[in-house]
Amino acid sequence: MQVAVALLLAVLQRILRRVAQQLWDELWAELFKVIAQAELEWQEAGQGSVKKEWALARAMEFLEKRVRLNVVQRQIARFVISKVIDAVVASINAELGHDWTGKAKEFQKKLADLLPFVQ
């Protein structure tokens, strides 16, 4: 009986790890998506805090649709996601500068020049 319970617990632990990893991966993908959407929505300078708050709200909505969080968990998640957004934006700014959409359009034009089937 104890062996069966231990086996079931081991299987459950693997399932929970897989589910947690999948949620983490989905959250990362969602963060990149909402950061890009915020950048497209507010292209004028000086809107960084507005963009961040919008992206943070979308990411929290995404997370809370998948996981029920209590007040403390919600605050921790909001803090961590906020720091992740800061780090992602800082990394992209360091690589591309502050005009992401301009760089994306520039890349799109270069790609279209190289590949005639890309518009």
C-alpha atoms as a PDB file:
ATOM      1  CA  MET A   1       0.000   0.000   0.000  1.00  0.00           C
ATOM      2  CA  GLN A   2       2.772   2.472   0.903  1.00  0.00           C
ATOM      3  CA  VAL A   3       4.591   1.691  -2.343  1.00  0.00           C
ATOM      4  CA  ALA A   4       1.429   2.408  -4.351  1.00  0.00           C
ATOM      5  CA  VAL A   5       0.904   5.724  -2.552  1.00  0.00           C
ATOM      6  CA  ALA A   6       4.553   6.691  -3.097  1.00  0.00           C
ATOM      7  CA  LEU A   7       4.249   5.821  -6.786  1.00  0.00           C
ATOM      8  CA  LEU A   8       1.071   7.889  -7.152  1.00  0.00           C
ATOM      9  CA  LEU A   9       2.703  10.821  -5.376  1.00  0.00           C
ATOM     10  CA  ALA A  10       5.719  10.623  -7.679  1.00  0.00           C
ATOM     11  CA  VAL A  11       3.453  10.614 -10.738  1.00  0.00           C
ATOM     12  CA  LEU A  12       1.449  13.537  -9.355  1.00  0.00           C
ATOM     13  CA  GLN A  13       4.638  15.470  -8.656  1.00  0.00           C
ATOM     14  CA  ARG A  14       5.790  15.015 -12.271  1.00  0.00           C
ATOM     15  CA  ILE A  15       2.402  16.125 -13.571  1.00  0.00           C
ATOM     16  CA  LEU A  16       2.434  19.237 -11.371  1.00  0.00           C
ATOM     17  CA  ARG A  17       5.961  20.115 -12.501  1.00  0.00           C
ATOM     18  CA  ARG A  18       4.917  19.766 -16.136  1.00  0.00           C
ATOM     19  CA  VAL A  19       1.813  21.924 -15.591  1.00  0.00           C
ATOM     20  CA  ALA A  20       3.847  24.567 -13.738  1.00  0.00           C
ATOM     21  CA  GLN A  21       6.472  24.599 -16.504  1.00  0.00           C
ATOM     22  CA  GLN A  22       3.777  24.939 -19.161  1.00  0.00           C
ATOM     23  CA  LEU A  23       2.180  27.835 -17.271  1.00  0.00           C
ATOM     24  CA  TRP A  24       5.588  29.517 -16.902  1.00  0.00           C
ATOM     25  CA  ASP A  25       6.289  29.110 -20.632  1.00  0.00           C
ATOM     26  CA  GLU A  26       2.856  30.477 -21.544  1.00  0.00           C
ATOM     27  CA  LEU A  27       3.321  33.435 -19.202  1.00  0.00           C
ATOM     28  CA  TRP A  28       6.671  34.290 -20.839  1.00  0.00           C
ATOM     29  CA  ALA A  29       5.093  34.168 -24.293  1.00  0.00           C
ATOM     30  CA  GLU A  30       2.219  36.346 -23.080  1.00  0.00           C
ATOM     31  CA  LEU A  31       4.641  38.864 -21.548  1.00  0.00           C
ATOM     32  CA  PHE A  32       6.497  39.303 -24.827  1.00  0.00           C
ATOM     33  CA  LYS A  33       3.172  39.649 -26.650  1.00  0.00           C
ATOM     34  CA  VAL A  34       1.732  42.302 -24.315  1.00  0.00           C
ATOM     35  CA  ILE A  35       5.003  44.252 -24.203  1.00  0.00           C
ATOM     36  CA  ALA A  36       5.015  44.400 -28.010  1.00  0.00           C
ATOM     37  CA  GLN A  37       1.322  45.376 -28.072  1.00  0.00           C
ATOM     38  CA  ALA A  38       1.937  48.169 -25.571  1.00  0.00           C
ATOM     39  CA  GLU A  39       4.821  49.446 -27.667  1.00  0.00           C
ATOM     40  CA  LEU A  40       2.586  49.576 -30.741  1.00  0.00           C
ATOM     41  CA  GLU A  41      -0.280  51.204 -28.847  1.00  0.00           C
ATOM     42  CA  TRP A  42       1.763  54.034 -27.299  1.00  0.00           C
ATOM     43  CA  GLN A  43       4.517  55.072 -29.704  1.00  0.00           C
ATOM     44  CA  GLU A  44       5.051  58.603 -28.428  1.00  0.00           C
ATOM     45  CA  ALA A  45       7.918  59.236 -26.033  1.00  0.00           C
ATOM     46  CA  GLY A  46       7.367  59.496 -22.309  1.00  0.00           C
ATOM     47  CA  GLN A  47       4.684  56.812 -22.095  1.00  0.00           C
ATOM     48  CA  GLY A  48       6.838  54.111 -20.492  1.00  0.00           C
ATOM     49  CA  SER A  49       4.921  53.922 -17.217  1.00  0.00           C
ATOM     50  CA  VAL A  50       1.575  53.798 -19.044  1.00  0.00           C
ATOM     51  CA  LYS A  51       2.838  51.015 -21.315  1.00  0.00           C
ATOM     52  CA  LYS A  52       4.250  49.072 -18.393  1.00  0.00           C
ATOM     53  CA  GLU A  53       1.059  49.317 -16.329  1.00  0.00           C
ATOM     54  CA  TRP A  54      -1.037  48.234 -19.327  1.00  0.00           C
ATOM     55  CA  ALA A  55       1.265  45.266 -20.045  1.00  0.00           C
ATOM     56  CA  LEU A  56       1.328  44.334 -16.360  1.00  0.00           C
ATOM     57  CA  ALA A  57      -2.473  44.396 -16.156  1.00  0.00           C
ATOM     58  CA  ARG A  58      -2.781  42.183 -19.268  1.00  0.00           C
ATOM     59  CA  ALA A  59      -0.200  39.717 -17.918  1.00  0.00           C
ATOM     60  CA  MET A  60      -1.979  39.515 -14.555  1.00  0.00           C
ATOM     61  CA  GLU A  61      -5.312  38.942 -16.301  1.00  0.00           C
ATOM     62  CA  PHE A  62      -3.700  36.139 -18.291  1.00  0.00           C
ATOM     63  CA  LEU A  63      -2.260  34.548 -15.150  1.00  0.00           C
ATOM     64  CA  GLU A  64      -5.431  34.876 -13.097  1.00  0.00           C
ATOM     65  CA  LYS A  65      -7.483  33.188 -15.819  1.00  0.00           C
ATOM     66  CA  ARG A  66      -5.279  30.131 -15.358  1.00  0.00           C
ATOM     67  CA  VAL A  67      -4.498  30.143 -11.630  1.00  0.00           C
ATOM     68  CA  ARG A  68      -6.522  31.202  -8.618  1.00  0.00           C
ATOM     69  CA  LEU A  69      -4.312  33.513  -6.559  1.00  0.00           C
ATOM     70  CA  ASN A  70      -4.894  34.771  -3.043  1.00  0.00           C
ATOM     71  CA  VAL A  71      -4.064  38.368  -2.103  1.00  0.00           C
ATOM     72  CA  VAL A  72      -0.470  37.641  -1.105  1.00  0.00           C
ATOM     73  CA  GLN A  73       0.192  35.471  -4.173  1.00  0.00           C
ATOM     74  CA  ARG A  74      -1.302  38.173  -6.406  1.00  0.00           C
ATOM     75  CA  GLN A  75       1.009  40.825  -4.909  1.00  0.00           C
ATOM     76  CA  ILE A  76       4.051  38.590  -5.305  1.00  0.00           C
ATOM     77  CA  ALA A  77       3.107  37.722  -8.901  1.00  0.00           C
ATOM     78  CA  ARG A  78       2.526  41.402  -9.706  1.00  0.00           C
ATOM     79  CA  PHE A  79       5.919  42.328  -8.232  1.00  0.00           C
ATOM     80  CA  VAL A  80       7.783  39.567 -10.090  1.00  0.00           C
ATOM     81  CA  ILE A  81       6.013  40.234 -13.406  1.00  0.00           C
ATOM     82  CA  SER A  82       6.704  43.956 -13.033  1.00  0.00           C
ATOM     83  CA  LYS A  83      10.422  43.243 -12.597  1.00  0.00           C
ATOM     84  CA  VAL A  84      10.394  40.844 -15.566  1.00  0.00           C
ATOM     85  CA  ILE A  85       8.776  43.524 -17.747  1.00  0.00           C
ATOM     86  CA  ASP A  86      11.443  46.019 -16.654  1.00  0.00           C
ATOM     87  CA  ALA A  87      14.213  43.548 -17.489  1.00  0.00           C
ATOM     88  CA  VAL A  88      12.745  42.615 -20.894  1.00  0.00           C
ATOM     89  CA  VAL A  89      12.248  46.256 -21.873  1.00  0.00           C
ATOM     90  CA  ALA A  90      15.745  47.194 -20.690  1.00  0.00           C
ATOM     91  CA  SER A  91      17.253  44.323 -22.699  1.00  0.00           C
ATOM     92  CA  ILE A  92      15.354  45.224 -25.845  1.00  0.00           C
ATOM     93  CA  ASN A  93      16.206  48.909 -25.445  1.00  0.00           C
ATOM     94  CA  ALA A  94      19.877  47.997 -25.052  1.00  0.00           C
ATOM     95  CA  GLU A  95      19.777  45.967 -28.271  1.00  0.00           C
ATOM     96  CA  LEU A  96      17.426  48.036 -30.455  1.00  0.00           C
ATOM     97  CA  GLY A  97      17.265  51.451 -28.861  1.00  0.00           C
ATOM     98  CA  HIS A  98      13.953  52.968 -27.878  1.00  0.00           C
ATOM     99  CA  ASP A  99      12.301  52.891 -31.317  1.00  0.00           C
ATOM    100  CA  TRP A 100      11.279  49.232 -31.521  1.00  0.00           C
ATOM    101  CA  THR A 101       8.523  49.708 -34.056  1.00  0.00           C
ATOM    102  CA  GLY A 102      10.834  51.716 -36.302  1.00  0.00           C
ATOM    103  CA  LYS A 103      13.419  48.929 -36.122  1.00  0.00           C
ATOM    104  CA  ALA A 104      10.738  46.334 -36.835  1.00  0.00           C
ATOM    105  CA  LYS A 105       9.499  48.268 -39.880  1.00  0.00           C
ATOM    106  CA  GLU A 106      13.080  48.706 -41.063  1.00  0.00           C
ATOM    107  CA  PHE A 107      13.666  44.956 -40.728  1.00  0.00           C
ATOM    108  CA  GLN A 108      10.378  44.199 -42.489  1.00  0.00           C
ATOM    109  CA  LYS A 109      11.402  46.376 -45.448  1.00  0.00           C
ATOM    110  CA  LYS A 110      14.843  44.720 -45.657  1.00  0.00           C
ATOM    111  CA  LEU A 111      13.204  41.309 -45.518  1.00  0.00           C
ATOM    112  CA  ALA A 112      10.723  42.281 -48.235  1.00  0.00           C
ATOM    113  CA  ASP A 113      13.612  43.454 -50.427  1.00  0.00           C
ATOM    114  CA  LEU A 114      15.376  40.124 -49.955  1.00  0.00           C
ATOM    115  CA  LEU A 115      12.305  37.890 -50.233  1.00  0.00           C
ATOM    116  CA  PRO A 116       9.852  38.989 -52.916  1.00  0.00           C
ATOM    117  CA  PHE A 117       6.995  36.940 -51.440  1.00  0.00           C
ATOM    118  CA  VAL A 118       7.176  38.900 -48.132  1.00  0.00           C
ATOM    119  CA  GLN A 119       5.078  42.060 -48.108  1.00  0.00           C
END
